[in-house]
Amino acid sequence: MTAPSGSTSIDRGPSRTETGGGEPEPRGGTRRAWTAIGLIVLGAIGLVAAFFLVTHDNTGAPVASSPATDQSAAVAPVAPATGPVTVSLSEFKVGMPATIAAGQVTLNIRNDGKVAHELLVFKSPLAVSQYPKVNGAIDEEGPGITKDSDGDNLDPGTTQTRTVDLSVPGTYVFVCNLPGHFAAGMYATVVVK
C-alpha cells in the first residue's frame, strides 16, 4: 500500500483479506500451544486407560503379571471338595467345584435358570470335543464314554439330591444334555482325586 505524500504508512502485516479472512493468528501461537497441551492430556488419559485394561480383569481385580518362578512362592493346589457338592444349573452353565474327592458323592443340584435342565455325569478319557454326538447332544450310549448318573429333569427353581459313585479317580463331565444345551456349552469338566 502506498501512502499519499505527506502521510506516514505503518505496516501492520497482512490484512484479513490478504490471508483469507477469519480471526488473525494471535501473536506467540497460543492457540497452537493449547491444542498441543490438549493432545498431550488426551494421550496420557489413553495410556492410563490402556494400562488399566491390560492389568485388570473384567471385575476390576488385578491380573497376575507372570507365573511364580520360585517354588516356595507358588500357590498350593486347591483341595478337592468333600462332603455334599452343590451344583448350580443355569443358562447355559454348570456351576460346581473343579475338583472333587473320590468316593460316594452326594450332589445337591439346583436349577437357578429360567428353563428346565438336567444333570448327567459321564466318565471318559476323551476330551469333551471328542465325545460321540447326535444332533449336537452327547450320544449317551456312544463309544468311549460311560454314563455314571442320570436324574430327572429339573424345572426352574427346583432341587434334586442324588448320590453318585465317583470312586474311580479321573476326569468326569457334568452336563445338561437337553436339546441345544450341551452345544451352548452347558457342561463342567471335573477332576476326581
N, C-alpha and C. Protein backbone atom coordinates (compact mmCIF):
# COMPACT_ATOMS: atom_id res chain seq x y z
N MET A 1 0.84 -1.15 0.00
CA MET A 1 0.00 0.00 0.00
C MET A 1 0.90 1.23 0.00
N THR A 2 0.56 2.19 -0.83
CA THR A 2 1.39 3.39 -0.93
C THR A 2 0.68 4.52 -0.21
N ALA A 3 1.43 5.20 0.61
CA ALA A 3 0.84 6.30 1.37
C ALA A 3 0.88 7.57 0.53
N PRO A 4 -0.16 8.39 0.62
CA PRO A 4 -0.11 9.67 -0.09
C PRO A 4 1.03 10.51 0.48
N SER A 5 1.50 11.40 -0.32
CA SER A 5 2.63 12.21 0.12
C SER A 5 2.25 13.00 1.36
N GLY A 6 3.18 13.05 2.25
CA GLY A 6 2.98 13.78 3.48
C GLY A 6 2.37 12.93 4.58
N SER A 7 2.02 11.70 4.31
CA SER A 7 1.47 10.87 5.38
C SER A 7 2.41 9.71 5.66
N THR A 8 2.27 9.14 6.80
CA THR A 8 3.14 8.05 7.21
C THR A 8 2.37 6.75 7.11
N SER A 9 3.03 5.72 6.61
CA SER A 9 2.39 4.41 6.47
C SER A 9 3.00 3.47 7.51
N ILE A 10 2.15 2.77 8.20
CA ILE A 10 2.62 1.79 9.18
C ILE A 10 2.25 0.41 8.64
N ASP A 11 3.24 -0.46 8.53
CA ASP A 11 3.00 -1.82 8.03
C ASP A 11 2.57 -2.68 9.22
N ARG A 12 1.35 -3.15 9.19
CA ARG A 12 0.83 -3.98 10.28
C ARG A 12 0.71 -5.43 9.85
N GLY A 13 1.41 -5.84 8.88
CA GLY A 13 1.33 -7.21 8.41
C GLY A 13 0.16 -7.38 7.45
N PRO A 14 -0.07 -8.58 7.02
CA PRO A 14 -1.14 -8.80 6.05
C PRO A 14 -2.51 -8.52 6.68
N SER A 15 -3.40 -7.99 5.85
CA SER A 15 -4.76 -7.74 6.33
C SER A 15 -5.56 -9.04 6.26
N ARG A 16 -6.76 -9.02 6.84
CA ARG A 16 -7.60 -10.22 6.84
C ARG A 16 -7.92 -10.66 5.43
N THR A 17 -8.13 -9.75 4.55
CA THR A 17 -8.47 -10.13 3.19
C THR A 17 -7.28 -10.75 2.49
N GLU A 18 -6.07 -10.40 2.87
CA GLU A 18 -4.89 -10.98 2.24
C GLU A 18 -4.62 -12.40 2.75
N THR A 19 -5.08 -12.77 3.95
CA THR A 19 -4.83 -14.11 4.49
C THR A 19 -6.01 -15.03 4.32
N GLY A 20 -7.09 -14.59 3.74
CA GLY A 20 -8.23 -15.46 3.53
C GLY A 20 -9.33 -15.24 4.53
N GLY A 21 -9.30 -14.20 5.34
CA GLY A 21 -10.37 -13.89 6.27
C GLY A 21 -10.22 -14.62 7.58
N GLY A 22 -11.23 -14.50 8.45
CA GLY A 22 -11.20 -15.17 9.74
C GLY A 22 -10.42 -14.39 10.76
N GLU A 23 -10.24 -14.97 11.92
CA GLU A 23 -9.52 -14.33 13.01
C GLU A 23 -8.03 -14.33 12.71
N PRO A 24 -7.37 -13.25 12.99
CA PRO A 24 -5.91 -13.27 12.81
C PRO A 24 -5.29 -14.16 13.89
N GLU A 25 -4.19 -14.83 13.56
CA GLU A 25 -3.48 -15.69 14.50
C GLU A 25 -2.92 -14.84 15.62
N PRO A 26 -3.23 -15.18 16.88
CA PRO A 26 -2.67 -14.40 17.99
C PRO A 26 -1.15 -14.51 17.99
N ARG A 27 -0.52 -13.48 18.44
CA ARG A 27 0.94 -13.48 18.48
C ARG A 27 1.41 -14.52 19.50
N GLY A 28 2.50 -15.19 19.21
CA GLY A 28 3.06 -16.17 20.12
C GLY A 28 2.48 -17.57 19.94
N GLY A 29 1.50 -17.80 19.07
CA GLY A 29 0.96 -19.12 18.78
C GLY A 29 0.26 -19.77 19.96
N THR A 30 -0.47 -19.01 20.78
CA THR A 30 -1.12 -19.59 21.96
C THR A 30 -2.17 -20.62 21.58
N ARG A 31 -2.86 -20.44 20.46
CA ARG A 31 -3.85 -21.43 20.04
C ARG A 31 -3.17 -22.77 19.76
N ARG A 32 -2.04 -22.73 19.07
CA ARG A 32 -1.30 -23.96 18.80
C ARG A 32 -0.81 -24.60 20.10
N ALA A 33 -0.39 -23.80 21.04
CA ALA A 33 0.11 -24.33 22.32
C ALA A 33 -1.01 -25.04 23.07
N TRP A 34 -2.20 -24.45 23.13
CA TRP A 34 -3.32 -25.08 23.82
C TRP A 34 -3.75 -26.36 23.12
N THR A 35 -3.70 -26.37 21.79
CA THR A 35 -4.04 -27.59 21.05
C THR A 35 -3.04 -28.70 21.39
N ALA A 36 -1.77 -28.36 21.43
CA ALA A 36 -0.74 -29.36 21.76
C ALA A 36 -0.92 -29.88 23.18
N ILE A 37 -1.22 -29.00 24.12
CA ILE A 37 -1.43 -29.42 25.51
C ILE A 37 -2.64 -30.35 25.60
N GLY A 38 -3.71 -30.00 24.90
CA GLY A 38 -4.91 -30.86 24.89
C GLY A 38 -4.62 -32.24 24.35
N LEU A 39 -3.85 -32.31 23.26
CA LEU A 39 -3.49 -33.61 22.68
C LEU A 39 -2.62 -34.43 23.64
N ILE A 40 -1.73 -33.78 24.34
CA ILE A 40 -0.87 -34.48 25.30
C ILE A 40 -1.72 -35.04 26.44
N VAL A 41 -2.66 -34.24 26.95
CA VAL A 41 -3.53 -34.71 28.04
C VAL A 41 -4.38 -35.89 27.58
N LEU A 42 -4.97 -35.81 26.38
CA LEU A 42 -5.77 -36.92 25.86
C LEU A 42 -4.92 -38.18 25.69
N GLY A 43 -3.69 -38.02 25.20
CA GLY A 43 -2.80 -39.17 25.06
C GLY A 43 -2.47 -39.81 26.40
N ALA A 44 -2.25 -38.99 27.43
CA ALA A 44 -1.96 -39.52 28.76
C ALA A 44 -3.15 -40.28 29.31
N ILE A 45 -4.36 -39.75 29.13
CA ILE A 45 -5.56 -40.45 29.58
C ILE A 45 -5.69 -41.79 28.86
N GLY A 46 -5.43 -41.81 27.56
CA GLY A 46 -5.49 -43.06 26.80
C GLY A 46 -4.49 -44.09 27.30
N LEU A 47 -3.27 -43.65 27.63
CA LEU A 47 -2.26 -44.58 28.15
C LEU A 47 -2.67 -45.15 29.50
N VAL A 48 -3.22 -44.32 30.37
CA VAL A 48 -3.67 -44.80 31.68
C VAL A 48 -4.80 -45.81 31.51
N ALA A 49 -5.75 -45.52 30.61
CA ALA A 49 -6.86 -46.46 30.37
C ALA A 49 -6.34 -47.78 29.81
N ALA A 50 -5.42 -47.72 28.85
CA ALA A 50 -4.87 -48.94 28.27
C ALA A 50 -4.12 -49.76 29.33
N PHE A 51 -3.35 -49.10 30.18
CA PHE A 51 -2.63 -49.80 31.24
C PHE A 51 -3.61 -50.50 32.17
N PHE A 52 -4.70 -49.82 32.55
CA PHE A 52 -5.70 -50.42 33.45
C PHE A 52 -6.34 -51.63 32.80
N LEU A 53 -6.69 -51.55 31.52
CA LEU A 53 -7.33 -52.67 30.83
C LEU A 53 -6.41 -53.88 30.75
N VAL A 54 -5.13 -53.65 30.56
CA VAL A 54 -4.18 -54.76 30.43
C VAL A 54 -3.89 -55.40 31.78
N THR A 55 -3.92 -54.62 32.85
CA THR A 55 -3.52 -55.15 34.15
C THR A 55 -4.67 -55.55 35.05
N HIS A 56 -5.93 -55.45 34.60
CA HIS A 56 -7.09 -55.81 35.41
C HIS A 56 -8.04 -56.66 34.59
N ASP A 57 -8.75 -57.59 35.27
CA ASP A 57 -9.74 -58.40 34.56
C ASP A 57 -11.07 -57.65 34.52
N ASN A 58 -12.12 -58.30 33.98
CA ASN A 58 -13.39 -57.61 33.80
C ASN A 58 -14.11 -57.31 35.11
N THR A 59 -13.60 -57.76 36.25
CA THR A 59 -14.22 -57.43 37.54
C THR A 59 -13.51 -56.26 38.20
N GLY A 60 -12.41 -55.79 37.59
CA GLY A 60 -11.64 -54.71 38.18
C GLY A 60 -10.53 -55.20 39.09
N ALA A 61 -10.42 -56.52 39.26
CA ALA A 61 -9.38 -57.08 40.11
C ALA A 61 -8.07 -57.15 39.33
N PRO A 62 -6.93 -56.92 39.99
CA PRO A 62 -5.65 -57.01 39.30
C PRO A 62 -5.41 -58.41 38.74
N VAL A 63 -4.71 -58.45 37.61
CA VAL A 63 -4.39 -59.71 36.95
C VAL A 63 -2.93 -60.02 37.24
N ALA A 64 -2.62 -61.28 37.49
CA ALA A 64 -1.23 -61.68 37.72
C ALA A 64 -0.42 -61.40 36.48
N SER A 65 0.78 -60.82 36.66
CA SER A 65 1.58 -60.45 35.51
C SER A 65 2.38 -61.62 34.96
N SER A 66 2.78 -62.55 35.80
CA SER A 66 3.51 -63.72 35.33
C SER A 66 3.42 -64.80 36.39
N PRO A 67 3.61 -66.06 35.98
CA PRO A 67 3.56 -67.13 36.98
C PRO A 67 4.74 -67.05 37.93
N ALA A 68 4.55 -67.59 39.12
CA ALA A 68 5.62 -67.60 40.11
C ALA A 68 6.75 -68.49 39.61
N THR A 69 7.99 -68.01 39.75
CA THR A 69 9.13 -68.81 39.33
C THR A 69 9.76 -69.53 40.51
N ASP A 70 9.57 -69.01 41.70
CA ASP A 70 10.11 -69.62 42.90
C ASP A 70 9.08 -70.62 43.42
N GLN A 71 9.47 -71.88 43.58
CA GLN A 71 8.54 -72.91 44.03
C GLN A 71 7.96 -72.58 45.40
N SER A 72 8.72 -71.90 46.25
CA SER A 72 8.20 -71.56 47.58
C SER A 72 7.11 -70.51 47.49
N ALA A 73 7.08 -69.74 46.39
CA ALA A 73 6.06 -68.70 46.23
C ALA A 73 4.83 -69.23 45.50
N ALA A 74 4.89 -70.45 44.98
CA ALA A 74 3.76 -71.00 44.24
C ALA A 74 2.59 -71.27 45.19
N VAL A 75 1.38 -71.08 44.67
CA VAL A 75 0.18 -71.31 45.47
C VAL A 75 -0.11 -72.80 45.49
N ALA A 76 -0.48 -73.31 46.65
CA ALA A 76 -0.80 -74.73 46.79
C ALA A 76 -2.05 -75.05 45.98
N PRO A 77 -2.14 -76.25 45.39
CA PRO A 77 -3.33 -76.62 44.63
C PRO A 77 -4.56 -76.64 45.54
N VAL A 78 -5.70 -76.38 44.93
CA VAL A 78 -6.96 -76.37 45.67
C VAL A 78 -7.30 -77.80 46.08
N ALA A 79 -7.67 -77.98 47.33
CA ALA A 79 -8.04 -79.31 47.82
C ALA A 79 -9.37 -79.73 47.20
N PRO A 80 -9.52 -81.02 46.90
CA PRO A 80 -10.79 -81.49 46.33
C PRO A 80 -11.95 -81.24 47.28
N ALA A 81 -13.11 -80.94 46.71
CA ALA A 81 -14.32 -80.75 47.51
C ALA A 81 -14.70 -82.08 48.16
N THR A 82 -15.09 -82.02 49.41
CA THR A 82 -15.54 -83.21 50.12
C THR A 82 -16.94 -82.95 50.66
N GLY A 83 -17.61 -84.02 51.06
CA GLY A 83 -18.97 -83.86 51.58
C GLY A 83 -19.94 -83.58 50.44
N PRO A 84 -21.13 -83.12 50.76
CA PRO A 84 -22.09 -82.82 49.71
C PRO A 84 -21.56 -81.72 48.78
N VAL A 85 -21.80 -81.89 47.50
CA VAL A 85 -21.34 -80.94 46.49
C VAL A 85 -22.55 -80.22 45.92
N THR A 86 -22.51 -78.89 45.93
CA THR A 86 -23.60 -78.10 45.37
C THR A 86 -23.35 -77.89 43.88
N VAL A 87 -24.38 -78.17 43.08
CA VAL A 87 -24.30 -77.99 41.63
C VAL A 87 -25.40 -77.01 41.24
N SER A 88 -25.02 -75.92 40.58
CA SER A 88 -25.99 -74.91 40.14
C SER A 88 -26.13 -74.99 38.62
N LEU A 89 -27.36 -75.14 38.15
CA LEU A 89 -27.65 -75.18 36.71
C LEU A 89 -28.33 -73.87 36.32
N SER A 90 -27.86 -73.26 35.24
CA SER A 90 -28.49 -72.04 34.72
C SER A 90 -28.16 -71.95 33.24
N GLU A 91 -28.71 -70.98 32.56
CA GLU A 91 -28.48 -70.83 31.13
C GLU A 91 -27.08 -70.29 30.89
N PHE A 92 -26.24 -70.89 30.26
CA PHE A 92 -26.07 -72.30 29.95
C PHE A 92 -24.78 -72.70 30.61
N LYS A 93 -24.84 -72.86 31.93
CA LYS A 93 -23.68 -73.14 32.76
C LYS A 93 -23.99 -74.22 33.78
N VAL A 94 -22.93 -74.97 34.12
CA VAL A 94 -22.98 -75.91 35.24
C VAL A 94 -21.95 -75.39 36.23
N GLY A 95 -22.42 -74.87 37.36
CA GLY A 95 -21.53 -74.30 38.37
C GLY A 95 -21.27 -75.30 39.48
N MET A 96 -19.98 -75.64 39.66
CA MET A 96 -19.59 -76.61 40.70
C MET A 96 -18.09 -76.59 40.86
N PRO A 97 -17.55 -77.23 41.91
CA PRO A 97 -16.10 -77.27 42.10
C PRO A 97 -15.41 -78.00 40.94
N ALA A 98 -14.19 -77.59 40.63
CA ALA A 98 -13.42 -78.21 39.55
C ALA A 98 -12.76 -79.52 39.98
N THR A 99 -12.65 -79.73 41.29
CA THR A 99 -12.02 -80.94 41.82
C THR A 99 -12.89 -81.49 42.95
N ILE A 100 -13.11 -82.81 42.92
CA ILE A 100 -13.93 -83.48 43.94
C ILE A 100 -13.16 -84.69 44.46
N ALA A 101 -13.27 -84.95 45.75
CA ALA A 101 -12.63 -86.13 46.33
C ALA A 101 -13.37 -87.39 45.87
N ALA A 102 -12.60 -88.44 45.55
CA ALA A 102 -13.19 -89.70 45.08
C ALA A 102 -14.03 -90.34 46.18
N GLY A 103 -15.07 -91.06 45.76
CA GLY A 103 -15.93 -91.78 46.70
C GLY A 103 -17.39 -91.64 46.32
N GLN A 104 -18.27 -91.99 47.23
CA GLN A 104 -19.71 -91.79 47.04
C GLN A 104 -19.98 -90.31 47.31
N VAL A 105 -20.43 -89.60 46.29
CA VAL A 105 -20.59 -88.15 46.40
C VAL A 105 -22.07 -87.78 46.32
N THR A 106 -22.52 -87.02 47.31
CA THR A 106 -23.89 -86.51 47.30
C THR A 106 -23.90 -85.18 46.57
N LEU A 107 -24.74 -85.10 45.53
CA LEU A 107 -24.89 -83.87 44.75
C LEU A 107 -26.19 -83.18 45.16
N ASN A 108 -26.09 -81.93 45.56
CA ASN A 108 -27.27 -81.09 45.81
C ASN A 108 -27.42 -80.21 44.58
N ILE A 109 -28.33 -80.59 43.69
CA ILE A 109 -28.48 -79.95 42.39
C ILE A 109 -29.62 -78.95 42.46
N ARG A 110 -29.36 -77.74 41.95
CA ARG A 110 -30.35 -76.66 42.00
C ARG A 110 -30.46 -76.03 40.61
N ASN A 111 -31.68 -75.89 40.09
CA ASN A 111 -31.89 -75.21 38.82
C ASN A 111 -32.14 -73.73 39.11
N ASP A 112 -31.11 -72.93 38.90
CA ASP A 112 -31.21 -71.48 39.10
C ASP A 112 -31.60 -70.76 37.82
N GLY A 113 -31.90 -71.53 36.77
CA GLY A 113 -32.22 -70.93 35.48
C GLY A 113 -33.70 -70.63 35.31
N LYS A 114 -34.05 -70.28 34.07
CA LYS A 114 -35.43 -69.93 33.73
C LYS A 114 -36.09 -70.97 32.86
N VAL A 115 -35.33 -72.02 32.50
CA VAL A 115 -35.87 -73.12 31.71
C VAL A 115 -35.47 -74.44 32.37
N ALA A 116 -36.08 -75.54 31.96
CA ALA A 116 -35.75 -76.85 32.52
C ALA A 116 -34.32 -77.25 32.17
N HIS A 117 -33.68 -77.97 33.08
CA HIS A 117 -32.33 -78.50 32.87
C HIS A 117 -32.28 -79.91 33.44
N GLU A 118 -31.21 -80.63 33.10
CA GLU A 118 -30.94 -81.94 33.67
C GLU A 118 -29.46 -82.02 33.97
N LEU A 119 -29.06 -83.05 34.72
CA LEU A 119 -27.65 -83.24 35.00
C LEU A 119 -27.29 -84.70 34.78
N LEU A 120 -26.40 -84.93 33.81
CA LEU A 120 -25.86 -86.25 33.55
C LEU A 120 -24.38 -86.21 33.90
N VAL A 121 -23.83 -87.36 34.32
CA VAL A 121 -22.42 -87.45 34.66
C VAL A 121 -21.79 -88.54 33.80
N PHE A 122 -20.74 -88.17 33.06
CA PHE A 122 -20.02 -89.11 32.20
C PHE A 122 -18.58 -89.21 32.64
N LYS A 123 -17.98 -90.40 32.47
CA LYS A 123 -16.54 -90.59 32.68
C LYS A 123 -15.95 -91.05 31.37
N SER A 124 -14.82 -90.45 31.02
CA SER A 124 -14.17 -90.83 29.77
C SER A 124 -12.76 -90.26 29.72
N PRO A 125 -11.83 -90.97 29.06
CA PRO A 125 -10.51 -90.40 28.84
C PRO A 125 -10.52 -89.40 27.67
N LEU A 126 -11.64 -89.34 26.94
CA LEU A 126 -11.74 -88.45 25.78
C LEU A 126 -11.89 -86.99 26.21
N ALA A 127 -11.38 -86.09 25.39
CA ALA A 127 -11.67 -84.67 25.57
C ALA A 127 -13.14 -84.45 25.22
N VAL A 128 -13.78 -83.48 25.83
CA VAL A 128 -15.20 -83.23 25.59
C VAL A 128 -15.48 -83.04 24.10
N SER A 129 -14.58 -82.39 23.39
CA SER A 129 -14.78 -82.17 21.95
C SER A 129 -14.81 -83.47 21.16
N GLN A 130 -14.30 -84.58 21.75
CA GLN A 130 -14.27 -85.87 21.06
C GLN A 130 -15.40 -86.80 21.50
N TYR A 131 -16.25 -86.35 22.40
CA TYR A 131 -17.39 -87.18 22.83
C TYR A 131 -18.27 -87.48 21.62
N PRO A 132 -18.85 -88.70 21.56
CA PRO A 132 -19.76 -89.00 20.45
C PRO A 132 -21.01 -88.13 20.56
N LYS A 133 -21.46 -87.62 19.41
CA LYS A 133 -22.60 -86.70 19.42
C LYS A 133 -23.66 -87.13 18.43
N VAL A 134 -24.90 -86.76 18.74
CA VAL A 134 -26.04 -86.95 17.85
C VAL A 134 -26.85 -85.66 17.89
N ASN A 135 -27.02 -85.02 16.75
CA ASN A 135 -27.78 -83.77 16.67
C ASN A 135 -27.31 -82.71 17.66
N GLY A 136 -26.00 -82.60 17.87
CA GLY A 136 -25.44 -81.58 18.75
C GLY A 136 -25.44 -81.93 20.23
N ALA A 137 -26.04 -83.06 20.60
CA ALA A 137 -26.05 -83.51 22.00
C ALA A 137 -25.11 -84.70 22.14
N ILE A 138 -24.70 -85.00 23.36
CA ILE A 138 -23.86 -86.18 23.59
C ILE A 138 -24.69 -87.42 23.34
N ASP A 139 -24.12 -88.37 22.58
CA ASP A 139 -24.76 -89.68 22.38
C ASP A 139 -24.53 -90.45 23.68
N GLU A 140 -25.56 -90.52 24.51
CA GLU A 140 -25.42 -91.05 25.87
C GLU A 140 -24.99 -92.51 25.92
N GLU A 141 -25.18 -93.25 24.85
CA GLU A 141 -24.76 -94.66 24.79
C GLU A 141 -23.59 -94.83 23.82
N GLY A 142 -22.95 -93.73 23.42
CA GLY A 142 -21.89 -93.77 22.41
C GLY A 142 -20.61 -94.41 22.91
N PRO A 143 -19.72 -94.75 21.96
CA PRO A 143 -18.46 -95.41 22.31
C PRO A 143 -17.49 -94.45 23.01
N GLY A 144 -16.72 -95.01 23.94
CA GLY A 144 -15.66 -94.25 24.60
C GLY A 144 -16.09 -93.47 25.82
N ILE A 145 -17.38 -93.52 26.17
CA ILE A 145 -17.84 -92.80 27.36
C ILE A 145 -18.71 -93.72 28.21
N THR A 146 -18.77 -93.44 29.49
CA THR A 146 -19.62 -94.19 30.41
C THR A 146 -20.51 -93.20 31.15
N LYS A 147 -21.82 -93.43 31.08
CA LYS A 147 -22.76 -92.57 31.82
C LYS A 147 -22.86 -93.13 33.23
N ASP A 148 -22.42 -92.34 34.22
CA ASP A 148 -22.43 -92.77 35.62
C ASP A 148 -23.67 -92.32 36.36
N SER A 149 -24.36 -91.31 35.87
CA SER A 149 -25.54 -90.82 36.58
C SER A 149 -26.45 -90.06 35.63
N ASP A 150 -27.77 -90.27 35.81
CA ASP A 150 -28.79 -89.55 35.03
C ASP A 150 -30.00 -89.41 35.93
N GLY A 151 -30.44 -88.20 36.16
CA GLY A 151 -31.59 -87.96 37.03
C GLY A 151 -32.74 -87.36 36.25
N ASP A 152 -33.78 -87.00 36.97
CA ASP A 152 -34.94 -86.36 36.36
C ASP A 152 -34.61 -84.93 35.95
N ASN A 153 -35.38 -84.43 34.98
CA ASN A 153 -35.25 -83.03 34.61
C ASN A 153 -35.68 -82.16 35.79
N LEU A 154 -35.08 -80.99 35.89
CA LEU A 154 -35.42 -80.05 36.96
C LEU A 154 -36.06 -78.81 36.36
N ASP A 155 -37.27 -78.51 36.79
CA ASP A 155 -37.92 -77.27 36.37
C ASP A 155 -37.23 -76.10 37.07
N PRO A 156 -37.40 -74.88 36.54
CA PRO A 156 -36.78 -73.72 37.18
C PRO A 156 -37.15 -73.62 38.66
N GLY A 157 -36.15 -73.35 39.49
CA GLY A 157 -36.37 -73.16 40.92
C GLY A 157 -36.45 -74.44 41.73
N THR A 158 -36.32 -75.61 41.09
CA THR A 158 -36.42 -76.87 41.83
C THR A 158 -35.04 -77.42 42.16
N THR A 159 -35.02 -78.39 43.08
CA THR A 159 -33.76 -79.02 43.51
C THR A 159 -33.88 -80.53 43.43
N GLN A 160 -32.74 -81.17 43.49
CA GLN A 160 -32.67 -82.63 43.46
C GLN A 160 -31.42 -83.04 44.22
N THR A 161 -31.51 -84.09 45.01
CA THR A 161 -30.35 -84.64 45.70
C THR A 161 -30.11 -86.04 45.17
N ARG A 162 -28.85 -86.32 44.85
CA ARG A 162 -28.51 -87.59 44.23
C ARG A 162 -27.13 -88.01 44.71
N THR A 163 -26.94 -89.30 44.98
CA THR A 163 -25.62 -89.82 45.34
C THR A 163 -25.05 -90.54 44.13
N VAL A 164 -23.81 -90.18 43.78
CA VAL A 164 -23.16 -90.71 42.59
C VAL A 164 -21.86 -91.40 43.00
N ASP A 165 -21.59 -92.56 42.41
CA ASP A 165 -20.36 -93.29 42.68
C ASP A 165 -19.24 -92.71 41.84
N LEU A 166 -18.39 -91.91 42.47
CA LEU A 166 -17.22 -91.34 41.81
C LEU A 166 -15.95 -91.89 42.46
N SER A 167 -15.96 -93.20 42.75
CA SER A 167 -14.84 -93.80 43.46
C SER A 167 -13.62 -94.03 42.56
N VAL A 168 -13.80 -93.98 41.25
CA VAL A 168 -12.67 -94.15 40.33
C VAL A 168 -12.13 -92.77 39.97
N PRO A 169 -10.88 -92.47 40.37
CA PRO A 169 -10.31 -91.17 40.03
C PRO A 169 -10.23 -90.98 38.52
N GLY A 170 -10.30 -89.75 38.10
CA GLY A 170 -10.22 -89.44 36.67
C GLY A 170 -11.00 -88.18 36.33
N THR A 171 -11.24 -88.01 35.03
CA THR A 171 -11.95 -86.83 34.54
C THR A 171 -13.40 -87.19 34.24
N TYR A 172 -14.29 -86.39 34.77
CA TYR A 172 -15.73 -86.58 34.58
C TYR A 172 -16.30 -85.32 33.93
N VAL A 173 -17.38 -85.49 33.20
CA VAL A 173 -18.08 -84.35 32.62
C VAL A 173 -19.50 -84.34 33.17
N PHE A 174 -19.89 -83.21 33.76
CA PHE A 174 -21.24 -82.98 34.28
C PHE A 174 -21.93 -82.09 33.24
N VAL A 175 -23.04 -82.57 32.68
CA VAL A 175 -23.61 -81.90 31.52
C VAL A 175 -25.13 -81.87 31.56
N CYS A 176 -25.69 -80.80 31.00
CA CYS A 176 -27.12 -80.77 30.70
C CYS A 176 -27.21 -81.16 29.23
N ASN A 177 -27.88 -82.28 28.95
CA ASN A 177 -27.92 -82.81 27.59
C ASN A 177 -29.28 -82.60 26.92
N LEU A 178 -30.08 -81.68 27.46
CA LEU A 178 -31.34 -81.35 26.79
C LEU A 178 -31.01 -80.69 25.45
N PRO A 179 -31.91 -80.76 24.46
CA PRO A 179 -31.60 -80.24 23.13
C PRO A 179 -31.04 -78.81 23.16
N GLY A 180 -29.85 -78.68 22.57
CA GLY A 180 -29.20 -77.38 22.43
C GLY A 180 -28.36 -76.94 23.62
N HIS A 181 -28.54 -77.54 24.79
CA HIS A 181 -27.84 -77.07 25.98
C HIS A 181 -26.36 -77.44 25.96
N PHE A 182 -26.02 -78.69 25.62
CA PHE A 182 -24.61 -79.08 25.54
C PHE A 182 -23.91 -78.25 24.46
N ALA A 183 -24.57 -78.10 23.30
CA ALA A 183 -23.98 -77.33 22.20
C ALA A 183 -23.73 -75.88 22.62
N ALA A 184 -24.53 -75.36 23.56
CA ALA A 184 -24.36 -73.99 24.05
C ALA A 184 -23.28 -73.91 25.13
N GLY A 185 -22.64 -75.04 25.45
CA GLY A 185 -21.54 -75.04 26.42
C GLY A 185 -21.95 -75.34 27.84
N MET A 186 -23.11 -75.98 28.02
CA MET A 186 -23.60 -76.25 29.38
C MET A 186 -23.02 -77.56 29.91
N TYR A 187 -21.76 -77.50 30.31
CA TYR A 187 -21.10 -78.65 30.93
C TYR A 187 -19.95 -78.15 31.79
N ALA A 188 -19.51 -79.01 32.70
CA ALA A 188 -18.34 -78.72 33.53
C ALA A 188 -17.46 -79.95 33.53
N THR A 189 -16.17 -79.75 33.33
CA THR A 189 -15.20 -80.84 33.41
C THR A 189 -14.64 -80.84 34.84
N VAL A 190 -14.72 -81.99 35.49
CA VAL A 190 -14.35 -82.10 36.91
C VAL A 190 -13.32 -83.22 37.07
N VAL A 191 -12.29 -82.95 37.85
CA VAL A 191 -11.27 -83.97 38.16
C VAL A 191 -11.62 -84.58 39.50
N VAL A 192 -11.70 -85.91 39.53
CA VAL A 192 -11.97 -86.64 40.77
C VAL A 192 -10.65 -87.25 41.22
N LYS A 193 -10.24 -86.94 42.47
CA LYS A 193 -8.96 -87.41 43.01
C LYS A 193 -9.18 -88.32 44.19
